[in-house]
PDB file of N, CA and C in Angstrom:
ATOM      1  N   MET A   1       6.920  -5.364  -2.080  1.00  0.00           N
ATOM      2  CA  MET A   1       7.286  -6.085  -0.946  1.00  0.00           C
ATOM      3  C   MET A   1       8.404  -6.624  -0.834  1.00  0.00           C
ATOM      4  N   LYS A   2       9.013  -6.690   0.490  1.00  0.00           N
ATOM      5  CA  LYS A   2      10.287  -7.667   0.483  1.00  0.00           C
ATOM      6  C   LYS A   2       9.867  -8.582   1.800  1.00  0.00           C
ATOM      7  N   ALA A   3      10.641  -9.935   1.575  1.00  0.00           N
ATOM      8  CA  ALA A   3      10.636 -10.596   2.683  1.00  0.00           C
ATOM      9  C   ALA A   3      11.868 -10.797   3.155  1.00  0.00           C
ATOM     10  N   ILE A   4      12.116 -10.316   4.384  1.00  0.00           N
ATOM     11  CA  ILE A   4      13.440 -10.304   5.044  1.00  0.00           C
ATOM     12  C   ILE A   4      13.755 -11.369   6.174  1.00  0.00           C
ATOM     13  N   TRP A   5      14.989 -12.040   6.224  1.00  0.00           N
ATOM     14  CA  TRP A   5      15.252 -12.754   7.266  1.00  0.00           C
ATOM     15  C   TRP A   5      16.551 -12.621   7.589  1.00  0.00           C
ATOM     16  N   ASN A   6      17.012 -12.757   8.776  1.00  0.00           N
ATOM     17  CA  ASN A   6      18.255 -12.734   9.191  1.00  0.00           C
ATOM     18  C   ASN A   6      19.204 -11.433   8.712  1.00  0.00           C
ATOM     19  N   GLY A   7      18.535 -10.291   8.439  1.00  0.00           N
ATOM     20  CA  GLY A   7      19.000  -9.110   7.921  1.00  0.00           C
ATOM     21  C   GLY A   7      19.134  -9.347   6.134  1.00  0.00           C
ATOM     22  N   VAL A   8      18.591 -10.146   5.574  1.00  0.00           N
ATOM     23  CA  VAL A   8      18.744 -10.452   4.203  1.00  0.00           C
ATOM     24  C   VAL A   8      17.565 -10.388   3.510  1.00  0.00           C
ATOM     25  N   VAL A   9      17.514  -9.903   2.381  1.00  0.00           N
ATOM     26  CA  VAL A   9      16.153 -10.065   1.574  1.00  0.00           C
ATOM     27  C   VAL A   9      16.334 -11.003   0.744  1.00  0.00           C
ATOM     28  N   VAL A  10      15.186 -12.168   1.155  1.00  0.00           N
ATOM     29  CA  VAL A  10      15.121 -13.354   0.499  1.00  0.00           C
ATOM     30  C   VAL A  10      14.186 -13.461  -0.524  1.00  0.00           C
ATOM     31  N   ALA A  11      13.421 -12.544  -0.756  1.00  0.00           N
ATOM     32  CA  ALA A  11      12.236 -12.105  -1.796  1.00  0.00           C
ATOM     33  C   ALA A  11      11.689 -10.880  -1.909  1.00  0.00           C
ATOM     34  N   GLU A  12      11.622 -10.511  -3.101  1.00  0.00           N
ATOM     35  CA  GLU A  12      11.034  -8.979  -3.337  1.00  0.00           C
ATOM     36  C   GLU A  12      10.197  -9.055  -4.725  1.00  0.00           C
ATOM     37  N   SER A  13       9.010  -8.254  -4.341  1.00  0.00           N
ATOM     38  CA  SER A  13       8.230  -8.451  -5.697  1.00  0.00           C
ATOM     39  C   SER A  13       7.288  -7.155  -5.407  1.00  0.00           C
ATOM     40  N   ASP A  14       6.689  -6.621  -6.575  1.00  0.00           N
ATOM     41  CA  ASP A  14       5.367  -5.530  -6.355  1.00  0.00           C
ATOM     42  C   ASP A  14       4.286  -6.457  -6.662  1.00  0.00           C
ATOM     43  N   ASP A  15       4.593  -7.656  -6.932  1.00  0.00           N
ATOM     44  CA  ASP A  15       3.232  -8.601  -7.348  1.00  0.00           C
ATOM     45  C   ASP A  15       3.111  -9.539  -6.386  1.00  0.00           C
ATOM     46  N   THR A  16       2.327  -9.374  -5.179  1.00  0.00           N
ATOM     47  CA  THR A  16       1.930 -10.330  -4.179  1.00  0.00           C
ATOM     48  C   THR A  16       0.455 -10.447  -4.289  1.00  0.00           C
ATOM     49  N   VAL A  17      -0.035 -11.491  -3.696  1.00  0.00           N
ATOM     50  CA  VAL A  17      -1.462 -11.684  -3.545  1.00  0.00           C
ATOM     51  C   VAL A  17      -1.574 -12.210  -2.197  1.00  0.00           C
ATOM     52  N   VAL A  18      -2.553 -11.390  -1.225  1.00  0.00           N
ATOM     53  CA  VAL A  18      -2.867 -11.665   0.032  1.00  0.00           C
ATOM     54  C   VAL A  18      -3.851 -12.585   0.257  1.00  0.00           C
ATOM     55  N   VAL A  19      -3.559 -13.568   1.176  1.00  0.00           N
ATOM     56  CA  VAL A  19      -4.498 -14.648   1.610  1.00  0.00           C
ATOM     57  C   VAL A  19      -4.355 -14.824   2.953  1.00  0.00           C
ATOM     58  N   GLU A  20      -5.335 -14.679   3.781  1.00  0.00           N
ATOM     59  CA  GLU A  20      -5.410 -15.172   5.126  1.00  0.00           C
ATOM     60  C   GLU A  20      -4.238 -14.082   5.786  1.00  0.00           C
ATOM     61  N   GLY A  21      -3.975 -12.843   5.435  1.00  0.00           N
ATOM     62  CA  GLY A  21      -2.904 -12.051   6.116  1.00  0.00           C
ATOM     63  C   GLY A  21      -1.741 -12.379   5.419  1.00  0.00           C
ATOM     64  N   ASN A  22      -1.316 -13.424   4.598  1.00  0.00           N
ATOM     65  CA  ASN A  22       0.127 -13.613   4.244  1.00  0.00           C
ATOM     66  C   ASN A  22       0.178 -13.211   2.961  1.00  0.00           C
ATOM     67  N   HIS A  23       1.387 -12.491   2.407  1.00  0.00           N
ATOM     68  CA  HIS A  23       1.711 -12.121   1.241  1.00  0.00           C
ATOM     69  C   HIS A  23       2.378 -13.287   0.539  1.00  0.00           C
ATOM     70  N   TYR A  24       1.798 -13.601  -0.542  1.00  0.00           N
ATOM     71  CA  TYR A  24       2.269 -14.694  -1.667  1.00  0.00           C
ATOM     72  C   TYR A  24       2.933 -13.948  -2.956  1.00  0.00           C
ATOM     73  N   PHE A  25       4.536 -14.368  -2.593  1.00  0.00           N
ATOM     74  CA  PHE A  25       5.113 -13.910  -3.742  1.00  0.00           C
ATOM     75  C   PHE A  25       5.308 -14.787  -4.771  1.00  0.00           C
ATOM     76  N   PRO A  26       5.547 -14.134  -6.068  1.00  0.00           N
ATOM     77  CA  PRO A  26       5.744 -15.247  -7.207  1.00  0.00           C
ATOM     78  C   PRO A  26       7.005 -15.984  -6.748  1.00  0.00           C
ATOM     79  N   ALA A  27       7.009 -17.610  -7.277  1.00  0.00           N
ATOM     80  CA  ALA A  27       7.892 -18.186  -6.778  1.00  0.00           C
ATOM     81  C   ALA A  27       9.526 -17.595  -7.421  1.00  0.00           C
ATOM     82  N   ALA A  28       9.318 -17.013  -8.644  1.00  0.00           N
ATOM     83  CA  ALA A  28      10.619 -16.434  -9.073  1.00  0.00           C
ATOM     84  C   ALA A  28      11.242 -15.301  -8.174  1.00  0.00           C
ATOM     85  N   ALA A  29      10.410 -14.709  -7.588  1.00  0.00           N
ATOM     86  CA  ALA A  29      10.942 -13.594  -6.584  1.00  0.00           C
ATOM     87  C   ALA A  29      11.798 -14.320  -5.431  1.00  0.00           C
ATOM     88  N   LEU A  30      11.698 -15.665  -5.256  1.00  0.00           N
ATOM     89  CA  LEU A  30      12.520 -16.216  -4.059  1.00  0.00           C
ATOM     90  C   LEU A  30      13.875 -16.340  -4.511  1.00  0.00           C
ATOM     91  N   LYS A  31      14.726 -15.665  -3.798  1.00  0.00           N
ATOM     92  CA  LYS A  31      16.136 -15.764  -4.125  1.00  0.00           C
ATOM     93  C   LYS A  31      16.717 -17.198  -3.755  1.00  0.00           C
ATOM     94  N   GLN A  32      16.948 -18.088  -4.794  1.00  0.00           N
ATOM     95  CA  GLN A  32      17.312 -19.429  -4.587  1.00  0.00           C
ATOM     96  C   GLN A  32      18.615 -19.825  -3.870  1.00  0.00           C
ATOM     97  N   GLU A  33      19.415 -18.814  -4.015  1.00  0.00           N
ATOM     98  CA  GLU A  33      20.554 -18.971  -2.909  1.00  0.00           C
ATOM     99  C   GLU A  33      20.595 -19.162  -1.666  1.00  0.00           C
ATOM    100  N   TYR A  34      19.523 -18.817  -1.081  1.00  0.00           N
ATOM    101  CA  TYR A  34      19.022 -19.014   0.184  1.00  0.00           C
ATOM    102  C   TYR A  34      18.020 -20.156   0.578  1.00  0.00           C
ATOM    103  N   VAL A  35      17.715 -20.944  -0.301  1.00  0.00           N
ATOM    104  CA  VAL A  35      16.801 -22.046  -0.317  1.00  0.00           C
ATOM    105  C   VAL A  35      17.322 -23.405   0.039  1.00  0.00           C
ATOM    106  N   VAL A  36      16.869 -23.848   0.894  1.00  0.00           N
ATOM    107  CA  VAL A  36      17.281 -25.492   1.150  1.00  0.00           C
ATOM    108  C   VAL A  36      16.008 -26.182   1.176  1.00  0.00           C
ATOM    109  N   GLY A  37      16.214 -27.384   0.459  1.00  0.00           N
ATOM    110  CA  GLY A  37      15.248 -28.235   0.440  1.00  0.00           C
ATOM    111  C   GLY A  37      14.595 -28.830   1.651  1.00  0.00           C
ATOM    112  N   SER A  38      13.221 -29.284   1.873  1.00  0.00           N
ATOM    113  CA  SER A  38      12.576 -29.775   3.129  1.00  0.00           C
ATOM    114  C   SER A  38      11.368 -30.697   2.492  1.00  0.00           C
ATOM    115  N   ASN A  39      11.233 -31.951   3.325  1.00  0.00           N
ATOM    116  CA  ASN A  39      10.408 -32.727   2.975  1.00  0.00           C
ATOM    117  C   ASN A  39       9.109 -32.428   3.865  1.00  0.00           C
ATOM    118  N   HIS A  40       9.050 -31.525   4.593  1.00  0.00           N
ATOM    119  CA  HIS A  40       7.751 -31.318   5.382  1.00  0.00           C
ATOM    120  C   HIS A  40       6.568 -30.915   4.279  1.00  0.00           C
ATOM    121  N   ARG A  41       5.318 -31.286   4.845  1.00  0.00           N
ATOM    122  CA  ARG A  41       4.037 -31.091   4.254  1.00  0.00           C
ATOM    123  C   ARG A  41       2.972 -30.883   5.119  1.00  0.00           C
ATOM    124  N   THR A  42       1.994 -30.105   4.671  1.00  0.00           N
ATOM    125  CA  THR A  42       0.841 -29.802   5.689  1.00  0.00           C
ATOM    126  C   THR A  42      -0.241 -29.938   4.537  1.00  0.00           C
ATOM    127  N   MET A  43      -1.622 -30.184   5.257  1.00  0.00           N
ATOM    128  CA  MET A  43      -2.808 -30.032   4.416  1.00  0.00           C
ATOM    129  C   MET A  43      -3.666 -28.945   4.963  1.00  0.00           C
ATOM    130  N   CYS A  44      -4.190 -28.083   3.840  1.00  0.00           N
ATOM    131  CA  CYS A  44      -5.383 -27.251   4.387  1.00  0.00           C
ATOM    132  C   CYS A  44      -6.745 -27.626   3.739  1.00  0.00           C
ATOM    133  N   SER A  45      -7.771 -27.511   4.512  1.00  0.00           N
ATOM    134  CA  SER A  45      -8.882 -27.966   3.836  1.00  0.00           C
ATOM    135  C   SER A  45      -9.278 -27.397   2.612  1.00  0.00           C
ATOM    136  N   TRP A  46      -9.059 -26.019   2.566  1.00  0.00           N
ATOM    137  CA  TRP A  46      -9.504 -25.216   1.344  1.00  0.00           C
ATOM    138  C   TRP A  46      -8.383 -24.946   0.265  1.00  0.00           C
ATOM    139  N   LYS A  47      -7.141 -25.032   0.825  1.00  0.00           N
ATOM    140  CA  LYS A  47      -6.087 -24.679  -0.165  1.00  0.00           C
ATOM    141  C   LYS A  47      -5.445 -25.762  -0.827  1.00  0.00           C
ATOM    142  N   GLY A  48      -5.389 -27.063  -0.181  1.00  0.00           N
ATOM    143  CA  GLY A  48      -4.837 -28.177  -0.471  1.00  0.00           C
ATOM    144  C   GLY A  48      -3.443 -28.525   0.223  1.00  0.00           C
ATOM    145  N   GLU A  49      -2.597 -29.339  -0.553  1.00  0.00           N
ATOM    146  CA  GLU A  49      -1.413 -29.638   0.167  1.00  0.00           C
ATOM    147  C   GLU A  49      -0.329 -28.493  -0.103  1.00  0.00           C
ATOM    148  N   ALA A  50       0.332 -28.185   1.141  1.00  0.00           N
ATOM    149  CA  ALA A  50       1.534 -27.202   1.153  1.00  0.00           C
ATOM    150  C   ALA A  50       2.908 -28.120   1.149  1.00  0.00           C
ATOM    151  N   SER A  51       3.823 -27.473   0.602  1.00  0.00           N
ATOM    152  CA  SER A  51       4.868 -28.327   0.523  1.00  0.00           C
ATOM    153  C   SER A  51       6.198 -26.763   1.095  1.00  0.00           C
ATOM    154  N   TYR A  52       7.115 -27.221   1.959  1.00  0.00           N
ATOM    155  CA  TYR A  52       7.852 -26.283   2.516  1.00  0.00           C
ATOM    156  C   TYR A  52       9.559 -26.239   1.836  1.00  0.00           C
ATOM    157  N   HIS A  53      10.159 -25.274   2.224  1.00  0.00           N
ATOM    158  CA  HIS A  53      11.416 -24.962   2.051  1.00  0.00           C
ATOM    159  C   HIS A  53      11.930 -24.308   3.123  1.00  0.00           C
ATOM    160  N   SER A  54      13.299 -24.398   3.432  1.00  0.00           N
ATOM    161  CA  SER A  54      13.855 -23.858   4.564  1.00  0.00           C
ATOM    162  C   SER A  54      14.868 -22.685   3.887  1.00  0.00           C
ATOM    163  N   LEU A  55      15.280 -21.789   4.858  1.00  0.00           N
ATOM    164  CA  LEU A  55      16.228 -20.784   4.586  1.00  0.00           C
ATOM    165  C   LEU A  55      17.533 -20.884   5.172  1.00  0.00           C
ATOM    166  N   LEU A  56      18.605 -20.714   4.632  1.00  0.00           N
ATOM    167  CA  LEU A  56      19.868 -20.625   5.158  1.00  0.00           C
ATOM    168  C   LEU A  56      20.440 -19.420   4.587  1.00  0.00           C
ATOM    169  N   VAL A  57      20.616 -18.410   5.744  1.00  0.00           N
ATOM    170  CA  VAL A  57      21.145 -17.188   5.500  1.00  0.00           C
ATOM    171  C   VAL A  57      22.223 -16.908   6.524  1.00  0.00           C
ATOM    172  N   ASN A  58      23.456 -16.680   5.922  1.00  0.00           N
ATOM    173  CA  ASN A  58      24.728 -16.130   6.891  1.00  0.00           C
ATOM    174  C   ASN A  58      25.094 -17.343   7.574  1.00  0.00           C
ATOM    175  N   GLY A  59      24.880 -18.557   7.320  1.00  0.00           N
ATOM    176  CA  GLY A  59      24.931 -19.826   8.063  1.00  0.00           C
ATOM    177  C   GLY A  59      23.903 -20.153   9.086  1.00  0.00           C
ATOM    178  N   ASP A  60      23.002 -19.324   9.217  1.00  0.00           N
ATOM    179  CA  ASP A  60      21.881 -19.786   9.860  1.00  0.00           C
ATOM    180  C   ASP A  60      20.531 -20.301   9.231  1.00  0.00           C
ATOM    181  N   LEU A  61      20.005 -21.356   9.857  1.00  0.00           N
ATOM    182  CA  LEU A  61      19.025 -22.293   9.231  1.00  0.00           C
ATOM    183  C   LEU A  61      17.579 -22.137   9.726  1.00  0.00           C
ATOM    184  N   ASN A  62      16.626 -21.670   8.934  1.00  0.00           N
ATOM    185  CA  ASN A  62      15.282 -21.359   9.300  1.00  0.00           C
ATOM    186  C   ASN A  62      14.519 -22.507   8.656  1.00  0.00           C
ATOM    187  N   PRO A  63      14.208 -23.471   9.506  1.00  0.00           N
ATOM    188  CA  PRO A  63      13.600 -24.666   8.737  1.00  0.00           C
ATOM    189  C   PRO A  63      12.160 -24.262   8.571  1.00  0.00           C
ATOM    190  N   ASP A  64      11.692 -24.943   7.439  1.00  0.00           N
ATOM    191  CA  ASP A  64      10.212 -24.823   6.876  1.00  0.00           C
ATOM    192  C   ASP A  64       9.620 -23.365   6.882  1.00  0.00           C
ATOM    193  N   ALA A  65      10.416 -22.357   6.615  1.00  0.00           N
ATOM    194  CA  ALA A  65       9.950 -21.133   6.885  1.00  0.00           C
ATOM    195  C   ALA A  65       9.321 -20.446   5.509  1.00  0.00           C
ATOM    196  N   VAL A  66       9.206 -21.309   4.427  1.00  0.00           N
ATOM    197  CA  VAL A  66       8.844 -20.977   3.184  1.00  0.00           C
ATOM    198  C   VAL A  66       7.833 -22.070   2.862  1.00  0.00           C
ATOM    199  N   TRP A  67       6.510 -21.680   2.679  1.00  0.00           N
ATOM    200  CA  TRP A  67       5.419 -22.467   1.855  1.00  0.00           C
ATOM    201  C   TRP A  67       5.069 -22.328   0.601  1.00  0.00           C
ATOM    202  N   THR A  68       4.485 -23.234  -0.137  1.00  0.00           N
ATOM    203  CA  THR A  68       4.110 -23.117  -1.512  1.00  0.00           C
ATOM    204  C   THR A  68       2.836 -24.217  -1.937  1.00  0.00           C
ATOM    205  N   TYR A  69       1.901 -23.705  -2.416  1.00  0.00           N
ATOM    206  CA  TYR A  69       0.886 -24.884  -2.929  1.00  0.00           C
ATOM    207  C   TYR A  69       0.947 -25.022  -4.314  1.00  0.00           C
ATOM    208  N   ALA A  70       1.950 -26.337  -4.641  1.00  0.00           N
ATOM    209  CA  ALA A  70       2.061 -26.371  -6.108  1.00  0.00           C
ATOM    210  C   ALA A  70       0.822 -26.710  -6.961  1.00  0.00           C
ATOM    211  N   ASP A  71      -0.203 -27.239  -6.292  1.00  0.00           N
ATOM    212  CA  ASP A  71      -1.329 -27.590  -6.934  1.00  0.00           C
ATOM    213  C   ASP A  71      -2.585 -27.384  -6.122  1.00  0.00           C
ATOM    214  N   PRO A  72      -2.715 -26.037  -5.992  1.00  0.00           N
ATOM    215  CA  PRO A  72      -3.609 -25.933  -4.910  1.00  0.00           C
ATOM    216  C   PRO A  72      -5.173 -25.958  -5.339  1.00  0.00           C
ATOM    217  N   LYS A  73      -6.179 -26.174  -4.494  1.00  0.00           N
ATOM    218  CA  LYS A  73      -7.502 -26.293  -4.800  1.00  0.00           C
ATOM    219  C   LYS A  73      -8.201 -25.273  -5.680  1.00  0.00           C
ATOM    220  N   GLU A  74      -9.230 -25.485  -6.218  1.00  0.00           N
ATOM    221  CA  GLU A  74      -9.628 -24.303  -7.120  1.00  0.00           C
ATOM    222  C   GLU A  74      -9.999 -22.794  -6.499  1.00  0.00           C
ATOM    223  N   ALA A  75     -10.361 -22.879  -5.050  1.00  0.00           N
ATOM    224  CA  ALA A  75     -10.797 -21.785  -4.269  1.00  0.00           C
ATOM    225  C   ALA A  75      -9.608 -20.957  -4.051  1.00  0.00           C
ATOM    226  N   ALA A  76      -8.366 -21.456  -4.206  1.00  0.00           N
ATOM    227  CA  ALA A  76      -7.241 -20.875  -4.048  1.00  0.00           C
ATOM    228  C   ALA A  76      -6.258 -20.872  -5.118  1.00  0.00           C
ATOM    229  N   ALA A  77      -6.788 -21.010  -6.239  1.00  0.00           N
ATOM    230  CA  ALA A  77      -5.894 -20.905  -7.656  1.00  0.00           C
ATOM    231  C   ALA A  77      -5.164 -19.603  -7.494  1.00  0.00           C
ATOM    232  N   GLN A  78      -5.471 -18.550  -6.992  1.00  0.00           N
ATOM    233  CA  GLN A  78      -4.633 -17.314  -7.309  1.00  0.00           C
ATOM    234  C   GLN A  78      -3.304 -17.504  -6.505  1.00  0.00           C
ATOM    235  N   ILE A  79      -3.064 -18.579  -5.704  1.00  0.00           N
ATOM    236  CA  ILE A  79      -1.795 -18.598  -5.093  1.00  0.00           C
ATOM    237  C   ILE A  79      -0.799 -19.800  -5.642  1.00  0.00           C
ATOM    238  N   LYS A  80      -1.137 -20.337  -6.820  1.00  0.00           N
ATOM    239  CA  LYS A  80      -0.511 -21.354  -7.501  1.00  0.00           C
ATOM    240  C   LYS A  80       0.775 -20.540  -8.095  1.00  0.00           C
ATOM    241  N   GLY A  81       1.851 -21.228  -7.721  1.00  0.00           N
ATOM    242  CA  GLY A  81       3.117 -20.705  -8.373  1.00  0.00           C
ATOM    243  C   GLY A  81       3.740 -19.737  -7.465  1.00  0.00           C
ATOM    244  N   ARG A  82       3.252 -19.358  -6.071  1.00  0.00           N
ATOM    245  CA  ARG A  82       3.718 -18.387  -5.266  1.00  0.00           C
ATOM    246  C   ARG A  82       4.095 -19.204  -4.118  1.00  0.00           C
ATOM    247  N   VAL A  83       4.962 -18.124  -3.110  1.00  0.00           N
ATOM    248  CA  VAL A  83       5.386 -18.729  -1.940  1.00  0.00           C
ATOM    249  C   VAL A  83       4.975 -17.604  -0.949  1.00  0.00           C
ATOM    250  N   ALA A  84       5.101 -17.968   0.305  1.00  0.00           N
ATOM    251  CA  ALA A  84       4.627 -17.385   1.439  1.00  0.00           C
ATOM    252  C   ALA A  84       5.688 -17.478   2.600  1.00  0.00           C
ATOM    253  N   PHE A  85       5.952 -16.823   3.686  1.00  0.00           N
ATOM    254  CA  PHE A  85       6.791 -16.970   4.572  1.00  0.00           C
ATOM    255  C   PHE A  85       6.025 -16.753   5.899  1.00  0.00           C
ATOM    256  N   TRP A  86       6.779 -17.382   6.945  1.00  0.00           N
ATOM    257  CA  TRP A  86       6.498 -17.256   8.338  1.00  0.00           C
ATOM    258  C   TRP A  86       7.726 -17.847   9.152  1.00  0.00           C
ATOM    259  N   LYS A  87       7.816 -17.915  10.538  1.00  0.00           N
ATOM    260  CA  LYS A  87       8.950 -18.328  11.165  1.00  0.00           C
ATOM    261  C   LYS A  87       9.974 -17.088  11.345  1.00  0.00           C
ATOM    262  N   GLY A  88       9.360 -15.846  11.627  1.00  0.00           N
ATOM    263  CA  GLY A  88      10.238 -14.799  11.703  1.00  0.00           C
ATOM    264  C   GLY A  88      10.637 -13.818  10.690  1.00  0.00           C
ATOM    265  N   VAL A  89      10.425 -14.443   9.404  1.00  0.00           N
ATOM    266  CA  VAL A  89      10.564 -13.678   8.098  1.00  0.00           C
ATOM    267  C   VAL A  89       9.739 -12.500   7.973  1.00  0.00           C
ATOM    268  N   LYS A  90      10.240 -11.440   7.935  1.00  0.00           N
ATOM    269  CA  LYS A  90       9.473 -10.162   8.200  1.00  0.00           C
ATOM    270  C   LYS A  90       9.146  -9.752   6.626  1.00  0.00           C
ATOM    271  N   VAL A  91       7.768  -9.448   6.365  1.00  0.00           N
ATOM    272  CA  VAL A  91       7.311  -8.985   5.186  1.00  0.00           C
ATOM    273  C   VAL A  91       6.939  -7.443   5.332  1.00  0.00           C
ATOM    274  N   VAL A  92       7.599  -6.602   4.425  1.00  0.00           N
ATOM    275  CA  VAL A  92       7.419  -5.110   4.696  1.00  0.00           C
ATOM    276  C   VAL A  92       7.487  -4.641   3.126  1.00  0.00           C
ATOM    277  N   ALA A  93       6.858  -3.346   3.172  1.00  0.00           N
ATOM    278  CA  ALA A  93       6.482  -2.670   1.934  1.00  0.00           C
ATOM    279  C   ALA A  93       8.017  -1.860   1.612  1.00  0.00           C
TER     280      ALA A  93
END
């Protein structure tokens, strides 16, 4: 699977976990040269607290386009150490 934004592959892995229709990539698959920090957080009742990262590709910023659950609840243990995408990031085979 590949995560593509602004014409650039920002993550790539054959090892993804699908939860609620989202592919969760291993965190190591995320290309750090495109990652910018974010203080944004959200709470999911069954997964726990999500933290976000932004993407900076070719001078364009996609705020909070990447999320991760650093310490998910037990029901979502399979996504620990993984990242997922939204906000126009295309995930393709």
